[in-house]
PDB file of all heavy atoms in Angstrom:
ATOM      1  N   VAL A   1      60.028-120.465  85.841  1.00  0.00           N
ATOM      2  CA  VAL A   1      60.109-119.732  87.107  1.00  0.00           C
ATOM      3  C   VAL A   1      59.355-118.407  86.999  1.00  0.00           C
ATOM      4  O   VAL A   1      58.577-118.032  87.885  1.00  0.00           O
ATOM      5  CB  VAL A   1      61.586-119.473  87.485  1.00  0.00           C
ATOM      6  CG1 VAL A   1      61.668-118.573  88.721  1.00  0.00           C
ATOM      7  CG2 VAL A   1      62.304-120.794  87.730  1.00  0.00           C
ATOM      8  N   ALA A   2      59.566-117.699  85.880  1.00  0.00           N
ATOM      9  CA  ALA A   2      58.964-116.375  85.711  1.00  0.00           C
ATOM     10  C   ALA A   2      57.446-116.437  85.591  1.00  0.00           C
ATOM     11  O   ALA A   2      56.757-115.474  85.944  1.00  0.00           O
ATOM     12  CB  ALA A   2      59.552-115.694  84.474  1.00  0.00           C
ATOM     13  N   ARG A   3      56.900-117.561  85.115  1.00  0.00           N
ATOM     14  CA  ARG A   3      55.453-117.642  84.912  1.00  0.00           C
ATOM     15  C   ARG A   3      54.683-117.562  86.216  1.00  0.00           C
ATOM     16  O   ARG A   3      53.503-117.222  86.220  1.00  0.00           O
ATOM     17  CB  ARG A   3      55.069-118.896  84.151  1.00  0.00           C
ATOM     18  CG  ARG A   3      55.265-120.206  84.861  1.00  0.00           C
ATOM     19  CD  ARG A   3      54.454-121.332  84.211  1.00  0.00           C
ATOM     20  NE  ARG A   3      53.028-121.149  84.485  1.00  0.00           N
ATOM     21  CZ  ARG A   3      52.133-120.811  83.583  1.00  0.00           C
ATOM     22  NH1 ARG A   3      52.485-120.611  82.343  1.00  0.00           N
ATOM     23  NH2 ARG A   3      50.860-120.664  83.920  1.00  0.00           N
ATOM     24  N   ASP A   4      55.317-117.842  87.339  1.00  0.00           N
ATOM     25  CA  ASP A   4      54.634-117.729  88.621  1.00  0.00           C
ATOM     26  C   ASP A   4      54.217-116.285  88.902  1.00  0.00           C
ATOM     27  O   ASP A   4      53.247-116.033  89.619  1.00  0.00           O
ATOM     28  CB  ASP A   4      55.532-118.235  89.756  1.00  0.00           C
ATOM     29  CG  ASP A   4      55.714-119.747  89.708  1.00  0.00           C
ATOM     30  OD1 ASP A   4      54.869-120.421  89.085  1.00  0.00           O
ATOM     31  OD2 ASP A   4      56.694-120.244  90.285  1.00  0.00           O
ATOM     32  N   THR A   5      54.961-115.335  88.335  1.00  0.00           N
ATOM     33  CA  THR A   5      54.647-113.911  88.523  1.00  0.00           C
ATOM     34  C   THR A   5      53.720-113.387  87.440  1.00  0.00           C
ATOM     35  O   THR A   5      52.718-112.728  87.723  1.00  0.00           O
ATOM     36  CB  THR A   5      55.953-113.082  88.524  1.00  0.00           C
ATOM     37  OG1 THR A   5      56.819-113.556  89.550  1.00  0.00           O
ATOM     38  CG2 THR A   5      55.650-111.610  88.748  1.00  0.00           C
ATOM     39  N   ASP A   6      54.054-113.702  86.185  1.00  0.00           N
ATOM     40  CA  ASP A   6      53.250-113.213  85.056  1.00  0.00           C
ATOM     41  C   ASP A   6      53.401-114.206  83.909  1.00  0.00           C
ATOM     42  O   ASP A   6      54.351-114.112  83.124  1.00  0.00           O
ATOM     43  CB  ASP A   6      53.728-111.818  84.622  1.00  0.00           C
ATOM     44  CG  ASP A   6      52.832-111.190  83.562  1.00  0.00           C
ATOM     45  OD1 ASP A   6      52.121-111.936  82.858  1.00  0.00           O
ATOM     46  OD2 ASP A   6      52.846-109.949  83.429  1.00  0.00           O
ATOM     47  N   PRO A   7      52.484-115.172  83.777  1.00  0.00           N
ATOM     48  CA  PRO A   7      52.643-116.214  82.753  1.00  0.00           C
ATOM     49  C   PRO A   7      52.646-115.688  81.325  1.00  0.00           C
ATOM     50  O   PRO A   7      53.359-116.210  80.472  1.00  0.00           O
ATOM     51  CB  PRO A   7      51.444-117.135  83.006  1.00  0.00           C
ATOM     52  CG  PRO A   7      50.460-116.318  83.773  1.00  0.00           C
ATOM     53  CD  PRO A   7      51.285-115.386  84.600  1.00  0.00           C
ATOM     54  N   HIS A   8      51.860-114.651  81.039  1.00  0.00           N
ATOM     55  CA  HIS A   8      51.822-114.102  79.686  1.00  0.00           C
ATOM     56  C   HIS A   8      53.168-113.471  79.324  1.00  0.00           C
ATOM     57  O   HIS A   8      53.715-113.712  78.248  1.00  0.00           O
ATOM     58  CB  HIS A   8      50.711-113.063  79.554  1.00  0.00           C
ATOM     59  CG  HIS A   8      49.337-113.619  79.762  1.00  0.00           C
ATOM     60  ND1 HIS A   8      48.775-114.533  78.907  1.00  0.00           N
ATOM     61  CD2 HIS A   8      48.427-113.399  80.742  1.00  0.00           C
ATOM     62  CE1 HIS A   8      47.560-114.855  79.336  1.00  0.00           C
ATOM     63  NE2 HIS A   8      47.334-114.178  80.447  1.00  0.00           N
ATOM     64  N   ARG A   9      53.699-112.676  80.239  1.00  0.00           N
ATOM     65  CA  ARG A   9      54.985-112.023  79.972  1.00  0.00           C
ATOM     66  C   ARG A   9      56.112-113.055  79.909  1.00  0.00           C
ATOM     67  O   ARG A   9      57.022-112.934  79.093  1.00  0.00           O
ATOM     68  CB  ARG A   9      55.284-110.987  81.053  1.00  0.00           C
ATOM     69  CG  ARG A   9      56.607-110.279  80.827  1.00  0.00           C
ATOM     70  CD  ARG A   9      56.799-109.103  81.744  1.00  0.00           C
ATOM     71  NE  ARG A   9      58.059-108.433  81.465  1.00  0.00           N
ATOM     72  CZ  ARG A   9      58.463-107.309  82.051  1.00  0.00           C
ATOM     73  NH1 ARG A   9      57.685-106.728  82.959  1.00  0.00           N
ATOM     74  NH2 ARG A   9      59.623-106.771  81.752  1.00  0.00           N
ATOM     75  N   ALA A  10      56.045-114.079  80.745  1.00  0.00           N
ATOM     76  CA  ALA A  10      57.076-115.116  80.741  1.00  0.00           C
ATOM     77  C   ALA A  10      57.149-115.800  79.388  1.00  0.00           C
ATOM     78  O   ALA A  10      58.233-116.032  78.842  1.00  0.00           O
ATOM     79  CB  ALA A  10      56.805-116.133  81.842  1.00  0.00           C
ATOM     80  N   MET A  11      55.987-116.127  78.822  1.00  0.00           N
ATOM     81  CA  MET A  11      55.974-116.789  77.524  1.00  0.00           C
ATOM     82  C   MET A  11      56.415-115.839  76.424  1.00  0.00           C
ATOM     83  O   MET A  11      57.169-116.214  75.514  1.00  0.00           O
ATOM     84  CB  MET A  11      54.573-117.328  77.229  1.00  0.00           C
ATOM     85  CG  MET A  11      54.498-118.188  75.982  1.00  0.00           C
ATOM     86  SD  MET A  11      55.498-119.689  76.087  1.00  0.00           S
ATOM     87  CE  MET A  11      54.500-120.660  77.239  1.00  0.00           C
ATOM     88  N   ARG A  12      55.982-114.595  76.502  1.00  0.00           N
ATOM     89  CA  ARG A  12      56.386-113.613  75.488  1.00  0.00           C
ATOM     90  C   ARG A  12      57.902-113.388  75.525  1.00  0.00           C
ATOM     91  O   ARG A  12      58.567-113.352  74.475  1.00  0.00           O
ATOM     92  CB  ARG A  12      55.648-112.290  75.730  1.00  0.00           C
ATOM     93  CG  ARG A  12      55.924-111.237  74.651  1.00  0.00           C
ATOM     94  CD  ARG A  12      55.035-110.022  74.827  1.00  0.00           C
ATOM     95  NE  ARG A  12      55.272-109.346  76.094  1.00  0.00           N
ATOM     96  CZ  ARG A  12      54.407-109.333  77.116  1.00  0.00           C
ATOM     97  NH1 ARG A  12      53.258-109.991  77.015  1.00  0.00           N
ATOM     98  NH2 ARG A  12      54.683-108.681  78.234  1.00  0.00           N
ATOM     99  N   ASP A  13      58.441-113.265  76.732  1.00  0.00           N
ATOM    100  CA  ASP A  13      59.889-113.074  76.867  1.00  0.00           C
ATOM    101  C   ASP A  13      60.656-114.284  76.344  1.00  0.00           C
ATOM    102  O   ASP A  13      61.730-114.138  75.742  1.00  0.00           O
ATOM    103  CB  ASP A  13      60.258-112.823  78.335  1.00  0.00           C
ATOM    104  CG  ASP A  13      59.816-111.459  78.827  1.00  0.00           C
ATOM    105  OD1 ASP A  13      59.397-110.628  77.998  1.00  0.00           O
ATOM    106  OD2 ASP A  13      59.883-111.224  80.051  1.00  0.00           O
ATOM    107  N   ALA A  14      60.124-115.474  76.569  1.00  0.00           N
ATOM    108  CA  ALA A  14      60.782-116.688  76.079  1.00  0.00           C
ATOM    109  C   ALA A  14      60.844-116.677  74.550  1.00  0.00           C
ATOM    110  O   ALA A  14      61.883-116.998  73.956  1.00  0.00           O
ATOM    111  CB  ALA A  14      60.041-117.925  76.576  1.00  0.00           C
ATOM    112  N   HIS A  15      59.747-116.290  73.911  1.00  0.00           N
ATOM    113  CA  HIS A  15      59.739-116.228  72.453  1.00  0.00           C
ATOM    114  C   HIS A  15      60.703-115.161  71.945  1.00  0.00           C
ATOM    115  O   HIS A  15      61.373-115.351  70.915  1.00  0.00           O
ATOM    116  CB  HIS A  15      58.327-115.943  71.949  1.00  0.00           C
ATOM    117  CG  HIS A  15      57.418-117.124  72.071  1.00  0.00           C
ATOM    118  ND1 HIS A  15      56.148-117.040  72.601  1.00  0.00           N
ATOM    119  CD2 HIS A  15      57.591-118.428  71.744  1.00  0.00           C
ATOM    120  CE1 HIS A  15      55.581-118.234  72.575  1.00  0.00           C
ATOM    121  NE2 HIS A  15      56.442-119.092  72.070  1.00  0.00           N
ATOM    122  N   GLU A  16      60.799-114.052  72.644  1.00  0.00           N
ATOM    123  CA  GLU A  16      61.731-112.995  72.239  1.00  0.00           C
ATOM    124  C   GLU A  16      63.175-113.478  72.355  1.00  0.00           C
ATOM    125  O   GLU A  16      64.005-113.183  71.487  1.00  0.00           O
ATOM    126  CB  GLU A  16      61.508-111.746  73.093  1.00  0.00           C
ATOM    127  CG  GLU A  16      60.217-111.011  72.754  1.00  0.00           C
ATOM    128  CD  GLU A  16      59.949-109.834  73.681  1.00  0.00           C
ATOM    129  OE1 GLU A  16      60.733-109.651  74.643  1.00  0.00           O
ATOM    130  OE2 GLU A  16      58.969-109.104  73.435  1.00  0.00           O
ATOM    131  N   ARG A  17      63.468-114.246  73.394  1.00  0.00           N
ATOM    132  CA  ARG A  17      64.827-114.763  73.559  1.00  0.00           C
ATOM    133  C   ARG A  17      65.162-115.789  72.489  1.00  0.00           C
ATOM    134  O   ARG A  17      66.295-115.823  71.988  1.00  0.00           O
ATOM    135  CB  ARG A  17      64.992-115.375  74.953  1.00  0.00           C
ATOM    136  CG  ARG A  17      65.017-114.345  76.073  1.00  0.00           C
ATOM    137  CD  ARG A  17      65.267-115.010  77.418  1.00  0.00           C
ATOM    138  NE  ARG A  17      66.568-115.694  77.445  1.00  0.00           N
ATOM    139  CZ  ARG A  17      66.961-116.472  78.446  1.00  0.00           C
ATOM    140  NH1 ARG A  17      66.160-116.692  79.477  1.00  0.00           N
ATOM    141  NH2 ARG A  17      68.164-117.048  78.408  1.00  0.00           N
ATOM    142  N   VAL A  18      64.206-116.622  72.127  1.00  0.00           N
ATOM    143  CA  VAL A  18      64.443-117.599  71.063  1.00  0.00           C
ATOM    144  C   VAL A  18      64.742-116.876  69.743  1.00  0.00           C
ATOM    145  O   VAL A  18      65.715-117.199  69.053  1.00  0.00           O
ATOM    146  CB  VAL A  18      63.237-118.537  70.892  1.00  0.00           C
ATOM    147  CG1 VAL A  18      63.385-119.376  69.626  1.00  0.00           C
ATOM    148  CG2 VAL A  18      63.094-119.455  72.105  1.00  0.00           C
ATOM    149  N   ALA A  19      63.908-115.907  69.398  1.00  0.00           N
ATOM    150  CA  ALA A  19      64.102-115.180  68.141  1.00  0.00           C
ATOM    151  C   ALA A  19      65.425-114.416  68.143  1.00  0.00           C
ATOM    152  O   ALA A  19      66.134-114.382  67.130  1.00  0.00           O
ATOM    153  CB  ALA A  19      62.934-114.217  67.912  1.00  0.00           C
ATOM    154  N   THR A  20      65.779-113.824  69.273  1.00  0.00           N
ATOM    155  CA  THR A  20      67.031-113.081  69.375  1.00  0.00           C
ATOM    156  C   THR A  20      68.230-114.005  69.200  1.00  0.00           C
ATOM    157  O   THR A  20      69.192-113.680  68.489  1.00  0.00           O
ATOM    158  CB  THR A  20      67.119-112.361  70.729  1.00  0.00           C
ATOM    159  OG1 THR A  20      66.052-111.405  70.824  1.00  0.00           O
ATOM    160  CG2 THR A  20      68.447-111.631  70.888  1.00  0.00           C
ATOM    161  N   HIS A  21      68.176-115.164  69.845  1.00  0.00           N
ATOM    162  CA  HIS A  21      69.278-116.123  69.723  1.00  0.00           C
ATOM    163  C   HIS A  21      69.421-116.611  68.287  1.00  0.00           C
ATOM    164  O   HIS A  21      70.541-116.655  67.753  1.00  0.00           O
ATOM    165  CB  HIS A  21      69.053-117.314  70.649  1.00  0.00           C
ATOM    166  CG  HIS A  21      69.979-118.456  70.361  1.00  0.00           C
ATOM    167  ND1 HIS A  21      71.278-118.499  70.819  1.00  0.00           N
ATOM    168  CD2 HIS A  21      69.801-119.588  69.614  1.00  0.00           C
ATOM    169  CE1 HIS A  21      71.860-119.602  70.377  1.00  0.00           C
ATOM    170  NE2 HIS A  21      70.997-120.267  69.651  1.00  0.00           N
ATOM    171  N   VAL A  22      68.331-116.997  67.671  1.00  0.00           N
ATOM    172  CA  VAL A  22      68.394-117.512  66.298  1.00  0.00           C
ATOM    173  C   VAL A  22      68.917-116.431  65.360  1.00  0.00           C
ATOM    174  O   VAL A  22      69.747-116.702  64.477  1.00  0.00           O
ATOM    175  CB  VAL A  22      67.014-118.023  65.848  1.00  0.00           C
ATOM    176  CG1 VAL A  22      67.015-118.347  64.356  1.00  0.00           C
ATOM    177  CG2 VAL A  22      66.617-119.254  66.653  1.00  0.00           C
ATOM    178  N   ASN A  23      68.480-115.198  65.543  1.00  0.00           N
ATOM    179  CA  ASN A  23      68.940-114.114  64.685  1.00  0.00           C
ATOM    180  C   ASN A  23      70.424-113.836  64.871  1.00  0.00           C
ATOM    181  O   ASN A  23      71.156-113.596  63.907  1.00  0.00           O
ATOM    182  CB  ASN A  23      68.131-112.853  64.969  1.00  0.00           C
ATOM    183  CG  ASN A  23      68.412-111.754  63.959  1.00  0.00           C
ATOM    184  OD1 ASN A  23      68.215-111.927  62.762  1.00  0.00           O
ATOM    185  ND2 ASN A  23      68.888-110.610  64.443  1.00  0.00           N
ATOM    186  N   ALA A  24      70.895-113.899  66.114  1.00  0.00           N
ATOM    187  CA  ALA A  24      72.308-113.641  66.396  1.00  0.00           C
ATOM    188  C   ALA A  24      73.210-114.708  65.783  1.00  0.00           C
ATOM    189  O   ALA A  24      74.376-114.453  65.481  1.00  0.00           O
ATOM    190  CB  ALA A  24      72.541-113.563  67.905  1.00  0.00           C
ATOM    191  N   ASN A  25      72.667-115.906  65.614  1.00  0.00           N
ATOM    192  CA  ASN A  25      73.437-117.022  65.046  1.00  0.00           C
ATOM    193  C   ASN A  25      72.865-117.437  63.684  1.00  0.00           C
ATOM    194  O   ASN A  25      72.925-118.600  63.302  1.00  0.00           O
ATOM    195  CB  ASN A  25      73.419-118.201  66.018  1.00  0.00           C
ATOM    196  CG  ASN A  25      74.100-117.860  67.321  1.00  0.00           C
ATOM    197  OD1 ASN A  25      75.313-117.912  67.438  1.00  0.00           O
ATOM    198  ND2 ASN A  25      73.303-117.489  68.323  1.00  0.00           N
ATOM    199  N   ARG A  26      72.354-116.461  62.987  1.00  0.00           N
ATOM    200  CA  ARG A  26      71.627-116.718  61.747  1.00  0.00           C
ATOM    201  C   ARG A  26      72.473-117.439  60.697  1.00  0.00           C
ATOM    202  O   ARG A  26      71.987-118.331  60.007  1.00  0.00           O
ATOM    203  CB  ARG A  26      71.130-115.381  61.189  1.00  0.00           C
ATOM    204  CG  ARG A  26      70.077-115.486  60.113  1.00  0.00           C
ATOM    205  CD  ARG A  26      69.690-114.107  59.600  1.00  0.00           C
ATOM    206  NE  ARG A  26      68.509-114.169  58.761  1.00  0.00           N
ATOM    207  CZ  ARG A  26      67.270-113.975  59.185  1.00  0.00           C
ATOM    208  NH1 ARG A  26      67.052-113.701  60.466  1.00  0.00           N
ATOM    209  NH2 ARG A  26      66.242-114.047  58.363  1.00  0.00           N
ATOM    210  N   VAL A  27      73.752-117.057  60.575  1.00  0.00           N
ATOM    211  CA  VAL A  27      74.580-117.671  59.525  1.00  0.00           C
ATOM    212  C   VAL A  27      74.778-119.162  59.800  1.00  0.00           C
ATOM    213  O   VAL A  27      74.830-119.976  58.866  1.00  0.00           O
ATOM    214  CB  VAL A  27      75.943-116.954  59.382  1.00  0.00           C
ATOM    215  CG1 VAL A  27      75.759-115.578  58.781  1.00  0.00           C
ATOM    216  CG2 VAL A  27      76.691-116.889  60.697  1.00  0.00           C
ATOM    217  N   LEU A  28      74.881-119.538  61.070  1.00  0.00           N
ATOM    218  CA  LEU A  28      75.013-120.955  61.420  1.00  0.00           C
ATOM    219  C   LEU A  28      73.734-121.713  61.088  1.00  0.00           C
ATOM    220  O   LEU A  28      73.762-122.753  60.415  1.00  0.00           O
ATOM    221  CB  LEU A  28      75.330-121.111  62.905  1.00  0.00           C
ATOM    222  CG  LEU A  28      75.229-122.530  63.477  1.00  0.00           C
ATOM    223  CD1 LEU A  28      76.237-123.456  62.813  1.00  0.00           C
ATOM    224  CD2 LEU A  28      75.430-122.501  64.995  1.00  0.00           C
ATOM    225  N   TYR A  29      72.602-121.199  61.556  1.00  0.00           N
ATOM    226  CA  TYR A  29      71.344-121.904  61.357  1.00  0.00           C
ATOM    227  C   TYR A  29      70.917-121.907  59.887  1.00  0.00           C
ATOM    228  O   TYR A  29      70.335-122.884  59.406  1.00  0.00           O
ATOM    229  CB  TYR A  29      70.262-121.303  62.250  1.00  0.00           C
ATOM    230  CG  TYR A  29      70.569-121.475  63.714  1.00  0.00           C
ATOM    231  CD1 TYR A  29      70.483-120.419  64.609  1.00  0.00           C
ATOM    232  CD2 TYR A  29      70.995-122.706  64.208  1.00  0.00           C
ATOM    233  CE1 TYR A  29      70.790-120.576  65.955  1.00  0.00           C
ATOM    234  CE2 TYR A  29      71.305-122.875  65.560  1.00  0.00           C
ATOM    235  CZ  TYR A  29      71.206-121.809  66.416  1.00  0.00           C
ATOM    236  OH  TYR A  29      71.516-121.977  67.745  1.00  0.00           O
ATOM    237  N   ARG A  30      71.236-120.834  59.158  1.00  0.00           N
ATOM    238  CA  ARG A  30      70.921-120.832  57.729  1.00  0.00           C
ATOM    239  C   ARG A  30      71.702-121.921  57.008  1.00  0.00           C
ATOM    240  O   ARG A  30      71.144-122.674  56.202  1.00  0.00           O
ATOM    241  CB  ARG A  30      71.248-119.470  57.117  1.00  0.00           C
ATOM    242  CG  ARG A  30      70.941-119.410  55.621  1.00  0.00           C
ATOM    243  CD  ARG A  30      71.464-118.150  54.976  1.00  0.00           C
ATOM    244  NE  ARG A  30      70.737-116.975  55.419  1.00  0.00           N
ATOM    245  CZ  ARG A  30      71.299-115.921  56.006  1.00  0.00           C
ATOM    246  NH1 ARG A  30      72.602-115.908  56.230  1.00  0.00           N
ATOM    247  NH2 ARG A  30      70.563-114.889  56.354  1.00  0.00           N
ATOM    248  N   ALA A  31      72.993-122.006  57.307  1.00  0.00           N
ATOM    249  CA  ALA A  31      73.818-123.045  56.674  1.00  0.00           C
ATOM    250  C   ALA A  31      73.297-124.436  57.018  1.00  0.00           C
ATOM    251  O   ALA A  31      73.232-125.326  56.160  1.00  0.00           O
ATOM    252  CB  ALA A  31      75.272-122.893  57.114  1.00  0.00           C
ATOM    253  N   ALA A  32      72.905-124.629  58.280  1.00  0.00           N
ATOM    254  CA  ALA A  32      72.443-125.948  58.730  1.00  0.00           C
ATOM    255  C   ALA A  32      71.108-126.317  58.098  1.00  0.00           C
ATOM    256  O   ALA A  32      70.909-127.459  57.663  1.00  0.00           O
ATOM    257  CB  ALA A  32      72.326-125.959  60.248  1.00  0.00           C
ATOM    258  N   PHE A  33      70.182-125.372  58.025  1.00  0.00           N
ATOM    259  CA  PHE A  33      68.869-125.659  57.443  1.00  0.00           C
ATOM    260  C   PHE A  33      68.953-125.930  55.942  1.00  0.00           C
ATOM    261  O   PHE A  33      68.075-126.596  55.382  1.00  0.00           O
ATOM    262  CB  PHE A  33      67.905-124.508  57.701  1.00  0.00           C
ATOM    263  CG  PHE A  33      67.236-124.547  59.049  1.00  0.00           C
ATOM    264  CD1 PHE A  33      67.256-123.436  59.879  1.00  0.00           C
ATOM    265  CD2 PHE A  33      66.587-125.693  59.492  1.00  0.00           C
ATOM    266  CE1 PHE A  33      66.631-123.460  61.127  1.00  0.00           C
ATOM    267  CE2 PHE A  33      65.969-125.734  60.732  1.00  0.00           C
ATOM    268  CZ  PHE A  33      65.993-124.619  61.552  1.00  0.00           C
ATOM    269  N   ARG A  34      69.971-125.415  55.281  1.00  0.00           N
ATOM    270  CA  ARG A  34      70.090-125.597  53.837  1.00  0.00           C
ATOM    271  C   ARG A  34      70.806-126.891  53.458  1.00  0.00           C
ATOM    272  O   ARG A  34      70.898-127.216  52.270  1.00  0.00           O
ATOM    273  CB  ARG A  34      70.816-124.395  53.231  1.00  0.00           C
ATOM    274  CG  ARG A  34      69.923-123.144  53.173  1.00  0.00           C
ATOM    275  CD  ARG A  34      70.657-121.946  52.634  1.00  0.00           C
ATOM    276  NE  ARG A  34      69.728-120.819  52.400  1.00  0.00           N
ATOM    277  CZ  ARG A  34      70.095-119.578  52.134  1.00  0.00           C
ATOM    278  NH1 ARG A  34      71.389-119.284  52.046  1.00  0.00           N
ATOM    279  NH2 ARG A  34      69.202-118.628  51.949  1.00  0.00           N
ATOM    280  N   LEU A  35      71.310-127.606  54.434  1.00  0.00           N
ATOM    281  CA  LEU A  35      71.974-128.880  54.152  1.00  0.00           C
ATOM    282  C   LEU A  35      70.952-129.969  53.846  1.00  0.00           C
ATOM    283  O   LEU A  35      69.808-129.901  54.302  1.00  0.00           O
ATOM    284  CB  LEU A  35      72.800-129.312  55.370  1.00  0.00           C
ATOM    285  CG  LEU A  35      74.086-128.553  55.654  1.00  0.00           C
ATOM    286  CD1 LEU A  35      74.646-129.002  57.002  1.00  0.00           C
ATOM    287  CD2 LEU A  35      75.109-128.787  54.550  1.00  0.00           C
ATOM    288  N   PRO A  36      71.349-130.993  53.099  1.00  0.00           N
ATOM    289  CA  PRO A  36      70.468-132.154  52.941  1.00  0.00           C
ATOM    290  C   PRO A  36      70.221-132.785  54.313  1.00  0.00           C
ATOM    291  O   PRO A  36      71.080-132.751  55.188  1.00  0.00           O
ATOM    292  CB  PRO A  36      71.285-133.090  52.045  1.00  0.00           C
ATOM    293  CG  PRO A  36      72.287-132.213  51.369  1.00  0.00           C
ATOM    294  CD  PRO A  36      72.603-131.126  52.343  1.00  0.00           C
ATOM    295  N   GLY A  37      69.055-133.359  54.489  1.00  0.00           N
ATOM    296  CA  GLY A  37      68.740-133.952  55.781  1.00  0.00           C
ATOM    297  C   GLY A  37      68.095-132.941  56.716  1.00  0.00           C
ATOM    298  O   GLY A  37      68.003-131.750  56.408  1.00  0.00           O
ATOM    299  N   ASP A  38      67.683-133.426  57.872  1.00  0.00           N
ATOM    300  CA  ASP A  38      66.919-132.583  58.805  1.00  0.00           C
ATOM    301  C   ASP A  38      67.519-132.577  60.205  1.00  0.00           C
ATOM    302  O   ASP A  38      66.787-132.545  61.193  1.00  0.00           O
ATOM    303  CB  ASP A  38      65.470-133.082  58.883  1.00  0.00           C
ATOM    304  CG  ASP A  38      64.753-132.966  57.549  1.00  0.00           C
ATOM    305  OD1 ASP A  38      64.886-131.920  56.902  1.00  0.00           O
ATOM    306  OD2 ASP A  38      64.071-133.937  57.163  1.00  0.00           O
ATOM    307  N   ALA A  39      68.848-132.619  60.313  1.00  0.00           N
ATOM    308  CA  ALA A  39      69.484-132.707  61.630  1.00  0.00           C
ATOM    309  C   ALA A  39      69.070-131.552  62.535  1.00  0.00           C
ATOM    310  O   ALA A  39      68.677-131.758  63.689  1.00  0.00           O
ATOM    311  CB  ALA A  39      71.002-132.757  61.490  1.00  0.00           C
ATOM    312  N   LEU A  40      69.169-130.317  62.034  1.00  0.00           N
ATOM    313  CA  LEU A  40      68.819-129.162  62.864  1.00  0.00           C
ATOM    314  C   LEU A  40      67.317-129.082  63.073  1.00  0.00           C
ATOM    315  O   LEU A  40      66.856-128.820  64.187  1.00  0.00           O
ATOM    316  CB  LEU A  40      69.332-127.874  62.227  1.00  0.00           C
ATOM    317  CG  LEU A  40      68.948-126.582  62.969  1.00  0.00           C
ATOM    318  CD1 LEU A  40      69.376-126.632  64.436  1.00  0.00           C
ATOM    319  CD2 LEU A  40      69.542-125.360  62.281  1.00  0.00           C
ATOM    320  N   LEU A  41      66.538-129.299  62.012  1.00  0.00           N
ATOM    321  CA  LEU A  41      65.080-129.229  62.139  1.00  0.00           C
ATOM    322  C   LEU A  41      64.600-130.224  63.191  1.00  0.00           C
ATOM    323  O   LEU A  41      63.809-129.881  64.077  1.00  0.00           O
ATOM    324  CB  LEU A  41      64.427-129.529  60.794  1.00  0.00           C
ATOM    325  CG  LEU A  41      62.922-129.240  60.702  1.00  0.00           C
ATOM    326  CD1 LEU A  41      62.667-127.737  60.692  1.00  0.00           C
ATOM    327  CD2 LEU A  41      62.342-129.866  59.439  1.00  0.00           C
ATOM    328  N   ASP A  42      65.103-131.455  63.119  1.00  0.00           N
ATOM    329  CA  ASP A  42      64.689-132.483  64.068  1.00  0.00           C
ATOM    330  C   ASP A  42      65.166-132.157  65.478  1.00  0.00           C
ATOM    331  O   ASP A  42      64.427-132.328  66.458  1.00  0.00           O
ATOM    332  CB  ASP A  42      65.232-133.853  63.650  1.00  0.00           C
ATOM    333  CG  ASP A  42      64.577-134.379  62.378  1.00  0.00           C
ATOM    334  OD1 ASP A  42      63.513-133.846  61.994  1.00  0.00           O
ATOM    335  OD2 ASP A  42      65.134-135.312  61.771  1.00  0.00           O
ATOM    336  N   GLY A  43      66.411-131.707  65.601  1.00  0.00           N
ATOM    337  CA  GLY A  43      66.961-131.403  66.921  1.00  0.00           C
ATOM    338  C   GLY A  43      66.258-130.245  67.592  1.00  0.00           C
ATOM    339  O   GLY A  43      65.949-130.291  68.786  1.00  0.00           O
TER     340      GLY A  43
END
């Protein structure tokens, strides 16, 4: 929706939100990535 106004900013903001979310839940994702198998990586 936001890209209709400013596609560059929309994509940049999306990447910032992804990084912020992953960082906020870092202990969960770290534990998941360190498990055998690729459930989180694939998902």
